[in-house]
Amino acid sequence: MNEIIYLNGDATNPIGSGKKIICHICNDIGAWGAGFVLALSKRWKQPEALYREIKVQNLYLGNVQFVEVSDDIIVANMIAQHGITKMGYDDADEPPIRYVALRACLAEVNDRAYRTNATIHMPRIGCGLAGGDWSVVEKIIQEVLTVNVFVYDFK
């Protein structure tokens, strides 16, 4: 069982020593330009550049792109959001987040973190533009992740 540690701060500036993986959710249509990704792009160019290199037809829900931005920080671009808005889809009441894809992404991130003795850092993933419910996301984190997780609330 992992521990979720809540902090006020900036997830792009993770605390602690050792390897750290910063997780965030990306959409499956190649759009990058709102939400947490703006903070990532301001700090590092590589996560956006590598995300944009993926052809849209290869942005599969549940996939993770790991981007090493420093000796001790990896950004995990997790494809767990379908589109960018609730409009225009079969079920307009369904938010863009896809919890099944998020679960798959977090399992892959957990495997990488476990193998490299890394901690996991994130904002409240999936609960901004993706429209997710934190109580659902938090439960997935508790069920899937086995390493310590730091969740940042930006003030």
Foldseek 3Di string as FASTA:
>chain_A
DAAEAEAADQLVDDDDDAAEEEEAEDELQLDADDDSSVVVCVVAPFVNVVSNVDDSVPSDQQDWDWADRDPRYIYIHQHFFYDQALPPDPRSVQFRGHVVSVLSSLLVVQVVCVVRVYEYEYELHCVDRRPDDSVSVVVSCVVRHDYYYYYYDYD
